[in-house]
Structures are given as C-alpha cells and as structure tokens.
C-alpha cells in the first residue's frame, strides 16, 4: 500500500516559500540563474494554498524543490568550472612573471 503524502499546512507552505526567497538563494541567483525560475516555483507553490489543492501540494512542492536544487547544482558546477579556469590562468600568469624576471636578469647580465 502506498503512503499518501502529508497535507502541508499554510505555515509549512509559508516556510517553503520563505526558503525559496531567502537572501542566500538570491545571492546564488546573481551567479546567472534566471530569477523567473524562482518566481515560477513560488507561483506554483502559492497555487497549493487553495484548500482544494492541498492534497496535491506535497508533490508540487517536491517537484519544484527538486527542479530548483537541480538548477542550483548546475550553477554550482558552472561556477566551479570558472574557478578552476581562473586558477589555471593565475598559474599561467605566475609562470609568465617568473619568465619575465629571468629575462630581466639575463638582460642585465648582458
């Protein structure tokens, strides 16, 4: 027998929406995630506030949270790749600085 999902209360839905809208999440959005994604999730969750939709709201919330987490995970991966590229470029810059110092020393010796 399959367990029926729990009906979420208005207070629980409010806490979920607050999490989606929290400042840390908004900070992540500045990394390139389209803010409309967040508002679409909030809109879909707000539809669950209607009494007739309460039975399906646990599923809707789970779908939206999974989608948002997937999008955030993608953004984290994009930022990780960018950081890795910056580290590589910083290493190249250090190497070029060392080469420049060697060439300056050779030029002064000549």
PDB file of N, CA and C in Angstrom:
ATOM      1  N   UNK A   1       0.837  -1.177   0.000  1.00  0.00           N
ATOM      2  CA  UNK A   1       0.000   0.000   0.000  1.00  0.00           C
ATOM      3  C   UNK A   1       0.891   1.253   0.000  1.00  0.00           C
ATOM      4  N   UNK A   2       0.587   2.180  -0.858  1.00  0.00           N
ATOM      5  CA  UNK A   2       1.377   3.401  -0.993  1.00  0.00           C
ATOM      6  C   UNK A   2       0.915   4.431   0.029  1.00  0.00           C
ATOM      7  N   UNK A   3       1.885   5.053   0.712  1.00  0.00           N
ATOM      8  CA  UNK A   3       1.541   6.087   1.686  1.00  0.00           C
ATOM      9  C   UNK A   3       1.077   7.335   0.967  1.00  0.00           C
ATOM     10  N   UNK A   4       0.011   7.907   1.460  1.00  0.00           N
ATOM     11  CA  UNK A   4      -0.489   9.166   0.908  1.00  0.00           C
ATOM     12  C   UNK A   4       0.392  10.295   1.428  1.00  0.00           C
ATOM     13  N   UNK A   5       0.825  11.224   0.541  1.00  0.00           N
ATOM     14  CA  UNK A   5       1.661  12.320   1.023  1.00  0.00           C
ATOM     15  C   UNK A   5       0.921  13.161   2.057  1.00  0.00           C
ATOM     16  N   UNK A   6       1.666  13.689   2.982  1.00  0.00           N
ATOM     17  CA  UNK A   6       1.118  14.519   4.048  1.00  0.00           C
ATOM     18  C   UNK A   6       0.573  15.821   3.456  1.00  0.00           C
ATOM     19  N   UNK A   7      -0.543  16.263   3.989  1.00  0.00           N
ATOM     20  CA  UNK A   7      -1.079  17.576   3.598  1.00  0.00           C
ATOM     21  C   UNK A   7      -0.259  18.640   4.302  1.00  0.00           C
ATOM     22  N   UNK A   8       0.242  19.601   3.537  1.00  0.00           N
ATOM     23  CA  UNK A   8       1.040  20.672   4.125  1.00  0.00           C
ATOM     24  C   UNK A   8       0.120  21.765   4.649  1.00  0.00           C
ATOM     25  N   UNK A   9       0.508  22.336   5.771  1.00  0.00           N
ATOM     26  CA  UNK A   9      -0.260  23.438   6.344  1.00  0.00           C
ATOM     27  C   UNK A   9       0.156  24.744   5.665  1.00  0.00           C
ATOM     28  N   UNK A  10      -0.644  25.774   5.889  1.00  0.00           N
ATOM     29  CA  UNK A  10      -0.303  27.090   5.351  1.00  0.00           C
ATOM     30  C   UNK A  10       1.030  27.561   5.921  1.00  0.00           C
ATOM     31  N   UNK A  11       1.259  27.320   7.203  1.00  0.00           N
ATOM     32  CA  UNK A  11       2.526  27.728   7.825  1.00  0.00           C
ATOM     33  C   UNK A  11       3.704  27.004   7.172  1.00  0.00           C
ATOM     34  N   UNK A  12       3.546  25.729   6.881  1.00  0.00           N
ATOM     35  CA  UNK A  12       4.625  24.981   6.216  1.00  0.00           C
ATOM     36  C   UNK A  12       4.879  25.511   4.809  1.00  0.00           C
ATOM     37  N   UNK A  13       3.802  25.809   4.081  1.00  0.00           N
ATOM     38  CA  UNK A  13       3.965  26.383   2.746  1.00  0.00           C
ATOM     39  C   UNK A  13       4.641  27.750   2.829  1.00  0.00           C
ATOM     40  N   UNK A  14       4.280  28.547   3.829  1.00  0.00           N
ATOM     41  CA  UNK A  14       4.928  29.853   4.022  1.00  0.00           C
ATOM     42  C   UNK A  14       6.429  29.681   4.260  1.00  0.00           C
ATOM     43  N   UNK A  15       6.813  28.692   5.064  1.00  0.00           N
ATOM     44  CA  UNK A  15       8.241  28.455   5.330  1.00  0.00           C
ATOM     45  C   UNK A  15       8.967  28.005   4.069  1.00  0.00           C
ATOM     46  N   UNK A  16       8.308  27.201   3.244  1.00  0.00           N
ATOM     47  CA  UNK A  16       8.920  26.743   1.999  1.00  0.00           C
ATOM     48  C   UNK A  16       9.137  27.929   1.064  1.00  0.00           C
ATOM     49  N   UNK A  17       8.129  28.768   0.920  1.00  0.00           N
ATOM     50  CA  UNK A  17       8.256  29.957   0.066  1.00  0.00           C
ATOM     51  C   UNK A  17       9.357  30.865   0.606  1.00  0.00           C
ATOM     52  N   UNK A  18       9.422  31.030   1.936  1.00  0.00           N
ATOM     53  CA  UNK A  18      10.471  31.865   2.530  1.00  0.00           C
ATOM     54  C   UNK A  18      11.852  31.307   2.202  1.00  0.00           C
ATOM     55  N   UNK A  19      11.994  29.988   2.200  1.00  0.00           N
ATOM     56  CA  UNK A  19      13.286  29.380   1.845  1.00  0.00           C
ATOM     57  C   UNK A  19      13.651  29.694   0.401  1.00  0.00           C
ATOM     58  N   UNK A  20      12.684  29.580  -0.483  1.00  0.00           N
ATOM     59  CA  UNK A  20      12.945  29.863  -1.899  1.00  0.00           C
ATOM     60  C   UNK A  20      13.351  31.322  -2.074  1.00  0.00           C
ATOM     61  N   UNK A  21      12.789  32.191  -1.245  1.00  0.00           N
ATOM     62  CA  UNK A  21      13.044  33.626  -1.384  1.00  0.00           C
ATOM     63  C   UNK A  21      14.173  34.124  -0.483  1.00  0.00           C
ATOM     64  N   UNK A  22      14.827  33.249   0.278  1.00  0.00           N
ATOM     65  CA  UNK A  22      15.806  33.729   1.267  1.00  0.00           C
ATOM     66  C   UNK A  22      17.021  34.379   0.618  1.00  0.00           C
ATOM     67  N   UNK A  23      17.699  35.262   1.352  1.00  0.00           N
ATOM     68  CA  UNK A  23      18.815  36.027   0.787  1.00  0.00           C
ATOM     69  C   UNK A  23      19.957  35.157   0.244  1.00  0.00           C
ATOM     70  N   UNK A  24      20.242  34.045   0.886  1.00  0.00           N
ATOM     71  CA  UNK A  24      21.318  33.184   0.387  1.00  0.00           C
ATOM     72  C   UNK A  24      20.973  32.650  -0.996  1.00  0.00           C
ATOM     73  N   UNK A  25      19.728  32.305  -1.204  1.00  0.00           N
ATOM     74  CA  UNK A  25      19.295  31.822  -2.505  1.00  0.00           C
ATOM     75  C   UNK A  25      19.380  32.942  -3.531  1.00  0.00           C
ATOM     76  N   UNK A  26      18.962  34.138  -3.129  1.00  0.00           N
ATOM     77  CA  UNK A  26      19.046  35.274  -4.057  1.00  0.00           C
ATOM     78  C   UNK A  26      20.491  35.563  -4.425  1.00  0.00           C
ATOM     79  N   UNK A  27      21.407  35.370  -3.489  1.00  0.00           N
ATOM     80  CA  UNK A  27      22.828  35.563  -3.785  1.00  0.00           C
ATOM     81  C   UNK A  27      23.262  34.589  -4.875  1.00  0.00           C
ATOM     82  N   UNK A  28      22.811  33.348  -4.763  1.00  0.00           N
ATOM     83  CA  UNK A  28      23.142  32.370  -5.803  1.00  0.00           C
ATOM     84  C   UNK A  28      22.558  32.767  -7.154  1.00  0.00           C
ATOM     85  N   UNK A  29      21.399  33.397  -7.123  1.00  0.00           N
ATOM     86  CA  UNK A  29      20.778  33.815  -8.388  1.00  0.00           C
ATOM     87  C   UNK A  29      21.642  34.814  -9.130  1.00  0.00           C
ATOM     88  N   UNK A  30      22.434  35.584  -8.416  1.00  0.00           N
ATOM     89  CA  UNK A  30      23.303  36.562  -9.071  1.00  0.00           C
ATOM     90  C   UNK A  30      24.393  35.875  -9.878  1.00  0.00           C
ATOM     91  N   UNK A  31      24.529  34.570  -9.697  1.00  0.00           N
ATOM     92  CA  UNK A  31      25.530  33.809 -10.450  1.00  0.00           C
ATOM     93  C   UNK A  31      25.024  33.446 -11.833  1.00  0.00           C
ATOM     94  N   UNK A  32      23.872  33.935 -12.228  1.00  0.00           N
ATOM     95  CA  UNK A  32      23.414  33.692 -13.582  1.00  0.00           C
ATOM     96  C   UNK A  32      22.089  32.963 -13.694  1.00  0.00           C
ATOM     97  N   UNK A  33      21.537  32.482 -12.596  1.00  0.00           N
ATOM     98  CA  UNK A  33      20.260  31.785 -12.671  1.00  0.00           C
ATOM     99  C   UNK A  33      19.147  32.798 -12.902  1.00  0.00           C
ATOM    100  N   UNK A  34      18.294  32.531 -13.854  1.00  0.00           N
ATOM    101  CA  UNK A  34      17.205  33.427 -14.219  1.00  0.00           C
ATOM    102  C   UNK A  34      16.229  33.566 -13.042  1.00  0.00           C
ATOM    103  N   UNK A  35      15.975  34.786 -12.544  1.00  0.00           N
ATOM    104  CA  UNK A  35      15.070  34.960 -11.403  1.00  0.00           C
ATOM    105  C   UNK A  35      13.650  34.495 -11.677  1.00  0.00           C
ATOM    106  N   UNK A  36      13.266  34.420 -12.954  1.00  0.00           N
ATOM    107  CA  UNK A  36      11.906  33.956 -13.263  1.00  0.00           C
ATOM    108  C   UNK A  36      11.704  32.528 -12.782  1.00  0.00           C
ATOM    109  N   UNK A  37      12.776  31.739 -12.748  1.00  0.00           N
ATOM    110  CA  UNK A  37      12.670  30.362 -12.281  1.00  0.00           C
ATOM    111  C   UNK A  37      12.174  30.353 -10.843  1.00  0.00           C
ATOM    112  N   UNK A  38      12.734  31.224 -10.025  1.00  0.00           N
ATOM    113  CA  UNK A  38      12.329  31.309  -8.622  1.00  0.00           C
ATOM    114  C   UNK A  38      10.871  31.725  -8.519  1.00  0.00           C
ATOM    115  N   UNK A  39      10.476  32.736  -9.301  1.00  0.00           N
ATOM    116  CA  UNK A  39       9.096  33.220  -9.217  1.00  0.00           C
ATOM    117  C   UNK A  39       8.111  32.181  -9.733  1.00  0.00           C
ATOM    118  N   UNK A  40       8.492  31.412 -10.738  1.00  0.00           N
ATOM    119  CA  UNK A  40       7.618  30.340 -11.228  1.00  0.00           C
ATOM    120  C   UNK A  40       7.405  29.296 -10.138  1.00  0.00           C
ATOM    121  N   UNK A  41       8.464  28.962  -9.422  1.00  0.00           N
ATOM    122  CA  UNK A  41       8.346  27.990  -8.331  1.00  0.00           C
ATOM    123  C   UNK A  41       7.417  28.533  -7.248  1.00  0.00           C
ATOM    124  N   UNK A  42       7.602  29.785  -6.872  1.00  0.00           N
ATOM    125  CA  UNK A  42       6.757  30.393  -5.836  1.00  0.00           C
ATOM    126  C   UNK A  42       5.305  30.419  -6.299  1.00  0.00           C
ATOM    127  N   UNK A  43       5.076  30.774  -7.545  1.00  0.00           N
ATOM    128  CA  UNK A  43       3.710  30.824  -8.076  1.00  0.00           C
ATOM    129  C   UNK A  43       3.055  29.445  -7.988  1.00  0.00           C
ATOM    130  N   UNK A  44       3.784  28.423  -8.407  1.00  0.00           N
ATOM    131  CA  UNK A  44       3.224  27.066  -8.371  1.00  0.00           C
ATOM    132  C   UNK A  44       2.930  26.627  -6.938  1.00  0.00           C
ATOM    133  N   UNK A  45       3.802  26.996  -6.006  1.00  0.00           N
ATOM    134  CA  UNK A  45       3.571  26.654  -4.604  1.00  0.00           C
ATOM    135  C   UNK A  45       2.383  27.447  -4.061  1.00  0.00           C
ATOM    136  N   UNK A  46       2.257  28.714  -4.451  1.00  0.00           N
ATOM    137  CA  UNK A  46       1.126  29.522  -3.991  1.00  0.00           C
ATOM    138  C   UNK A  46      -0.208  28.937  -4.446  1.00  0.00           C
ATOM    139  N   UNK A  47      -0.238  28.298  -5.596  1.00  0.00           N
ATOM    140  CA  UNK A  47      -1.482  27.663  -6.046  1.00  0.00           C
ATOM    141  C   UNK A  47      -1.934  26.578  -5.071  1.00  0.00           C
ATOM    142  N   UNK A  48      -1.001  26.029  -4.326  1.00  0.00           N
ATOM    143  CA  UNK A  48      -1.319  24.971  -3.355  1.00  0.00           C
ATOM    144  C   UNK A  48      -2.006  25.507  -2.110  1.00  0.00           C
ATOM    145  N   UNK A  49      -2.030  26.813  -1.929  1.00  0.00           N
ATOM    146  CA  UNK A  49      -2.687  27.382  -0.762  1.00  0.00           C
ATOM    147  C   UNK A  49      -4.198  27.165  -0.818  1.00  0.00           C
ATOM    148  N   UNK A  50      -4.718  26.977  -2.002  1.00  0.00           N
ATOM    149  CA  UNK A  50      -6.160  26.757  -2.137  1.00  0.00           C
ATOM    150  C   UNK A  50      -6.538  25.429  -1.476  1.00  0.00           C
ATOM    151  N   UNK A  51      -7.606  25.427  -0.698  1.00  0.00           N
ATOM    152  CA  UNK A  51      -7.977  24.200   0.018  1.00  0.00           C
ATOM    153  C   UNK A  51      -8.161  22.979  -0.904  1.00  0.00           C
ATOM    154  N   UNK A  52      -8.715  23.173  -2.066  1.00  0.00           N
ATOM    155  CA  UNK A  52      -8.939  22.061  -2.986  1.00  0.00           C
ATOM    156  C   UNK A  52      -7.657  21.467  -3.558  1.00  0.00           C
ATOM    157  N   UNK A  53      -6.543  22.164  -3.430  1.00  0.00           N
ATOM    158  CA  UNK A  53      -5.274  21.689  -3.989  1.00  0.00           C
ATOM    159  C   UNK A  53      -4.335  21.146  -2.919  1.00  0.00           C
ATOM    160  N   UNK A  54      -4.738  21.169  -1.669  1.00  0.00           N
ATOM    161  CA  UNK A  54      -3.850  20.759  -0.578  1.00  0.00           C
ATOM    162  C   UNK A  54      -3.383  19.310  -0.711  1.00  0.00           C
ATOM    163  N   UNK A  55      -4.237  18.438  -1.238  1.00  0.00           N
ATOM    164  CA  UNK A  55      -3.835  17.034  -1.356  1.00  0.00           C
ATOM    165  C   UNK A  55      -2.676  16.837  -2.327  1.00  0.00           C
ATOM    166  N   UNK A  56      -2.574  17.689  -3.325  1.00  0.00           N
ATOM    167  CA  UNK A  56      -1.506  17.531  -4.316  1.00  0.00           C
ATOM    168  C   UNK A  56      -0.294  18.413  -4.025  1.00  0.00           C
ATOM    169  N   UNK A  57      -0.375  19.251  -3.000  1.00  0.00           N
ATOM    170  CA  UNK A  57       0.691  20.226  -2.799  1.00  0.00           C
ATOM    171  C   UNK A  57       2.021  19.596  -2.393  1.00  0.00           C
ATOM    172  N   UNK A  58       2.023  18.499  -1.675  1.00  0.00           N
ATOM    173  CA  UNK A  58       3.304  17.870  -1.306  1.00  0.00           C
ATOM    174  C   UNK A  58       4.063  17.462  -2.563  1.00  0.00           C
ATOM    175  N   UNK A  59       3.359  16.913  -3.527  1.00  0.00           N
ATOM    176  CA  UNK A  59       4.001  16.527  -4.791  1.00  0.00           C
ATOM    177  C   UNK A  59       4.511  17.727  -5.565  1.00  0.00           C
ATOM    178  N   UNK A  60       3.720  18.793  -5.599  1.00  0.00           N
ATOM    179  CA  UNK A  60       4.118  20.018  -6.305  1.00  0.00           C
ATOM    180  C   UNK A  60       5.358  20.612  -5.653  1.00  0.00           C
ATOM    181  N   UNK A  61       5.344  20.685  -4.322  1.00  0.00           N
ATOM    182  CA  UNK A  61       6.487  21.253  -3.599  1.00  0.00           C
ATOM    183  C   UNK A  61       7.732  20.414  -3.876  1.00  0.00           C
ATOM    184  N   UNK A  62       7.608  19.102  -3.830  1.00  0.00           N
ATOM    185  CA  UNK A  62       8.759  18.234  -4.097  1.00  0.00           C
ATOM    186  C   UNK A  62       9.286  18.448  -5.514  1.00  0.00           C
ATOM    187  N   UNK A  63       8.394  18.520  -6.488  1.00  0.00           N
ATOM    188  CA  UNK A  63       8.818  18.749  -7.881  1.00  0.00           C
ATOM    189  C   UNK A  63       9.566  20.065  -8.012  1.00  0.00           C
ATOM    190  N   UNK A  64       9.010  21.123  -7.416  1.00  0.00           N
ATOM    191  CA  UNK A  64       9.644  22.434  -7.516  1.00  0.00           C
ATOM    192  C   UNK A  64      10.979  22.467  -6.799  1.00  0.00           C
ATOM    193  N   UNK A  65      11.038  21.881  -5.628  1.00  0.00           N
ATOM    194  CA  UNK A  65      12.305  21.866  -4.880  1.00  0.00           C
ATOM    195  C   UNK A  65      13.363  21.056  -5.639  1.00  0.00           C
ATOM    196  N   UNK A  66      12.976  19.916  -6.205  1.00  0.00           N
ATOM    197  CA  UNK A  66      13.928  19.124  -6.990  1.00  0.00           C
ATOM    198  C   UNK A  66      14.426  19.909  -8.198  1.00  0.00           C
ATOM    199  N   UNK A  67      13.514  20.615  -8.868  1.00  0.00           N
ATOM    200  CA  UNK A  67      13.907  21.417 -10.030  1.00  0.00           C
ATOM    201  C   UNK A  67      14.853  22.540  -9.621  1.00  0.00           C
ATOM    202  N   UNK A  68      14.523  23.231  -8.534  1.00  0.00           N
ATOM    203  CA  UNK A  68      15.373  24.325  -8.078  1.00  0.00           C
ATOM    204  C   UNK A  68      16.738  23.817  -7.637  1.00  0.00           C
ATOM    205  N   UNK A  69      16.761  22.703  -6.925  1.00  0.00           N
ATOM    206  CA  UNK A  69      18.043  22.135  -6.487  1.00  0.00           C
ATOM    207  C   UNK A  69      18.867  21.712  -7.693  1.00  0.00           C
ATOM    208  N   UNK A  70      18.217  21.140  -8.689  1.00  0.00           N
ATOM    209  CA  UNK A  70      18.933  20.773  -9.916  1.00  0.00           C
ATOM    210  C   UNK A  70      19.530  21.982 -10.610  1.00  0.00           C
ATOM    211  N   UNK A  71      18.758  23.061 -10.679  1.00  0.00           N
ATOM    212  CA  UNK A  71      19.263  24.286 -11.311  1.00  0.00           C
ATOM    213  C   UNK A  71      20.414  24.882 -10.503  1.00  0.00           C
ATOM    214  N   UNK A  72      20.272  24.872  -9.183  1.00  0.00           N
ATOM    215  CA  UNK A  72      21.339  25.398  -8.342  1.00  0.00           C
ATOM    216  C   UNK A  72      22.601  24.540  -8.458  1.00  0.00           C
ATOM    217  N   UNK A  73      22.421  23.234  -8.511  1.00  0.00           N
ATOM    218  CA  UNK A  73      23.574  22.342  -8.664  1.00  0.00           C
ATOM    219  C   UNK A  73      24.293  22.637  -9.980  1.00  0.00           C
ATOM    220  N   UNK A  74      23.518  22.906 -11.017  1.00  0.00           N
ATOM    221  CA  UNK A  74      24.112  23.266 -12.308  1.00  0.00           C
ATOM    222  C   UNK A  74      24.923  24.560 -12.175  1.00  0.00           C
ATOM    223  N   UNK A  75      24.352  25.560 -11.482  1.00  0.00           N
ATOM    224  CA  UNK A  75      25.062  26.819 -11.297  1.00  0.00           C
ATOM    225  C   UNK A  75      26.349  26.633 -10.492  1.00  0.00           C
ATOM    226  N   UNK A  76      26.280  25.775  -9.473  1.00  0.00           N
ATOM    227  CA  UNK A  76      27.482  25.496  -8.680  1.00  0.00           C
ATOM    228  C   UNK A  76      28.546  24.875  -9.568  1.00  0.00           C
ATOM    229  N   UNK A  77      28.154  23.953 -10.430  1.00  0.00           N
ATOM    230  CA  UNK A  77      29.117  23.311 -11.335  1.00  0.00           C
ATOM    231  C   UNK A  77      29.712  24.335 -12.297  1.00  0.00           C
ATOM    232  N   UNK A  78      28.876  25.224 -12.829  1.00  0.00           N
ATOM    233  CA  UNK A  78      29.372  26.274 -13.734  1.00  0.00           C
ATOM    234  C   UNK A  78      30.392  27.143 -13.003  1.00  0.00           C
ATOM    235  N   UNK A  79      30.064  27.536 -11.775  1.00  0.00           N
ATOM    236  CA  UNK A  79      30.980  28.384 -11.008  1.00  0.00           C
ATOM    237  C   UNK A  79      32.265  27.634 -10.654  1.00  0.00           C
ATOM    238  N   UNK A  80      32.149  26.337 -10.373  1.00  0.00           N
ATOM    239  CA  UNK A  80      33.336  25.532 -10.075  1.00  0.00           C
ATOM    240  C   UNK A  80      34.267  25.494 -11.286  1.00  0.00           C
ATOM    241  N   UNK A  81      33.673  25.325 -12.472  1.00  0.00           N
ATOM    242  CA  UNK A  81      34.494  25.318 -13.697  1.00  0.00           C
ATOM    243  C   UNK A  81      35.165  26.661 -13.913  1.00  0.00           C
ATOM    244  N   UNK A  82      34.431  27.739 -13.664  1.00  0.00           N
ATOM    245  CA  UNK A  82      35.015  29.077 -13.815  1.00  0.00           C
ATOM    246  C   UNK A  82      36.166  29.272 -12.833  1.00  0.00           C
ATOM    247  N   UNK A  83      35.975  28.831 -11.594  1.00  0.00           N
ATOM    248  CA  UNK A  83      37.032  28.962 -10.586  1.00  0.00           C
ATOM    249  C   UNK A  83      38.260  28.153 -10.999  1.00  0.00           C
ATOM    250  N   UNK A  84      38.021  26.978 -11.539  1.00  0.00           N
ATOM    251  CA  UNK A  84      39.127  26.134 -11.990  1.00  0.00           C
ATOM    252  C   UNK A  84      39.891  26.820 -13.123  1.00  0.00           C
ATOM    253  N   UNK A  85      39.163  27.439 -14.033  1.00  0.00           N
ATOM    254  CA  UNK A  85      39.789  28.156 -15.144  1.00  0.00           C
ATOM    255  C   UNK A  85      40.597  29.348 -14.619  1.00  0.00           C
ATOM    256  N   UNK A  86      40.042  30.063 -13.635  1.00  0.00           N
ATOM    257  CA  UNK A  86      40.770  31.187 -13.050  1.00  0.00           C
ATOM    258  C   UNK A  86      42.046  30.715 -12.367  1.00  0.00           C
ATOM    259  N   UNK A  87      41.984  29.580 -11.693  1.00  0.00           N
ATOM    260  CA  UNK A  87      43.187  29.034 -11.051  1.00  0.00           C
ATOM    261  C   UNK A  87      44.243  28.697 -12.102  1.00  0.00           C
ATOM    262  N   UNK A  88      43.801  28.103 -13.210  1.00  0.00           N
ATOM    263  CA  UNK A  88      44.734  27.763 -14.278  1.00  0.00           C
ATOM    264  C   UNK A  88      45.373  29.028 -14.842  1.00  0.00           C
ATOM    265  N   UNK A  89      44.553  30.050 -15.080  1.00  0.00           N
ATOM    266  CA  UNK A  89      45.076  31.309 -15.615  1.00  0.00           C
ATOM    267  C   UNK A  89      46.016  31.989 -14.624  1.00  0.00           C
ATOM    268  N   UNK A  90      45.689  31.915 -13.339  1.00  0.00           N
ATOM    269  CA  UNK A  90      46.573  32.500 -12.327  1.00  0.00           C
ATOM    270  C   UNK A  90      47.917  31.780 -12.331  1.00  0.00           C
ATOM    271  N   UNK A  91      47.901  30.466 -12.497  1.00  0.00           N
ATOM    272  CA  UNK A  91      49.148  29.702 -12.585  1.00  0.00           C
ATOM    273  C   UNK A  91      49.959  30.119 -13.799  1.00  0.00           C
ATOM    274  N   UNK A  92      49.299  30.314 -14.923  1.00  0.00           N
ATOM    275  CA  UNK A  92      49.990  30.766 -16.133  1.00  0.00           C
ATOM    276  C   UNK A  92      50.585  32.156 -15.923  1.00  0.00           C
ATOM    277  N   UNK A  93      49.821  33.032 -15.271  1.00  0.00           N
ATOM    278  CA  UNK A  93      50.320  34.395 -15.014  1.00  0.00           C
ATOM    279  C   UNK A  93      51.555  34.342 -14.123  1.00  0.00           C
ATOM    280  N   UNK A  94      51.539  33.496 -13.103  1.00  0.00           N
ATOM    281  CA  UNK A  94      52.706  33.345 -12.224  1.00  0.00           C
ATOM    282  C   UNK A  94      53.911  32.850 -13.015  1.00  0.00           C
ATOM    283  N   UNK A  95      53.677  31.897 -13.884  1.00  0.00           N
ATOM    284  CA  UNK A  95      54.753  31.358 -14.711  1.00  0.00           C
ATOM    285  C   UNK A  95      55.334  32.441 -15.634  1.00  0.00           C
ATOM    286  N   UNK A  96      54.465  33.247 -16.215  1.00  0.00           N
ATOM    287  CA  UNK A  96      54.922  34.334 -17.081  1.00  0.00           C
ATOM    288  C   UNK A  96      55.712  35.385 -16.290  1.00  0.00           C
ATOM    289  N   UNK A  97      55.278  35.670 -15.064  1.00  0.00           N
ATOM    290  CA  UNK A  97      56.023  36.612 -14.218  1.00  0.00           C
ATOM    291  C   UNK A  97      57.431  36.081 -13.933  1.00  0.00           C
ATOM    292  N   UNK A  98      57.514  34.775 -13.645  1.00  0.00           N
ATOM    293  CA  UNK A  98      58.823  34.165 -13.390  1.00  0.00           C
ATOM    294  C   UNK A  98      59.708  34.253 -14.636  1.00  0.00           C
ATOM    295  N   UNK A  99      59.121  33.971 -15.811  1.00  0.00           N
ATOM    296  CA  UNK A  99      59.868  34.079 -17.073  1.00  0.00           C
ATOM    297  C   UNK A  99      60.356  35.506 -17.283  1.00  0.00           C
ATOM    298  N   UNK A 100      59.494  36.470 -17.020  1.00  0.00           N
ATOM    299  CA  UNK A 100      59.850  37.874 -17.192  1.00  0.00           C
ATOM    300  C   UNK A 100      61.015  38.245 -16.277  1.00  0.00           C
ATOM    301  N   UNK A 101      60.969  37.800 -15.025  1.00  0.00           N
ATOM    302  CA  UNK A 101      62.065  38.086 -14.091  1.00  0.00           C
ATOM    303  C   UNK A 101      63.380  37.468 -14.590  1.00  0.00           C
ATOM    304  N   UNK A 102      63.316  36.245 -15.096  1.00  0.00           N
ATOM    305  CA  UNK A 102      64.528  35.603 -15.633  1.00  0.00           C
ATOM    306  C   UNK A 102      65.074  36.382 -16.827  1.00  0.00           C
ATOM    307  N   UNK A 103      64.170  36.835 -17.698  1.00  0.00           N
ATOM    308  CA  UNK A 103      64.616  37.592 -18.867  1.00  0.00           C
ATOM    309  C   UNK A 103      65.210  38.930 -18.459  1.00  0.00           C
ATOM    310  N   UNK A 104      64.648  39.564 -17.432  1.00  0.00           N
ATOM    311  CA  UNK A 104      65.211  40.827 -16.952  1.00  0.00           C
ATOM    312  C   UNK A 104      66.612  40.598 -16.406  1.00  0.00           C
ATOM    313  N   UNK A 105      66.786  39.507 -15.651  1.00  0.00           N
ATOM    314  CA  UNK A 105      68.108  39.192 -15.088  1.00  0.00           C
ATOM    315  C   UNK A 105      69.106  38.933 -16.228  1.00  0.00           C
ATOM    316  N   UNK A 106      68.702  38.200 -17.242  1.00  0.00           N
ATOM    317  CA  UNK A 106      69.582  37.927 -18.384  1.00  0.00           C
ATOM    318  C   UNK A 106      69.929  39.212 -19.124  1.00  0.00           C
ATOM    319  N   UNK A 107      68.946  40.103 -19.258  1.00  0.00           N
ATOM    320  CA  UNK A 107      69.195  41.360 -19.957  1.00  0.00           C
ATOM    321  C   UNK A 107      70.184  42.232 -19.181  1.00  0.00           C
ATOM    322  N   UNK A 108      70.089  42.201 -17.861  1.00  0.00           N
ATOM    323  CA  UNK A 108      71.021  42.983 -17.042  1.00  0.00           C
ATOM    324  C   UNK A 108      72.432  42.385 -17.076  1.00  0.00           C
ATOM    325  N   UNK A 109      72.539  41.070 -17.233  1.00  0.00           N
ATOM    326  CA  UNK A 109      73.840  40.401 -17.303  1.00  0.00           C
ATOM    327  C   UNK A 109      74.551  40.716 -18.616  1.00  0.00           C
ATOM    328  N   UNK A 110      73.804  40.911 -19.660  1.00  0.00           N
ATOM    329  CA  UNK A 110      74.389  41.109 -20.983  1.00  0.00           C
ATOM    330  C   UNK A 110      75.005  42.467 -21.184  1.00  0.00           C
TER     331      UNK A 110
END
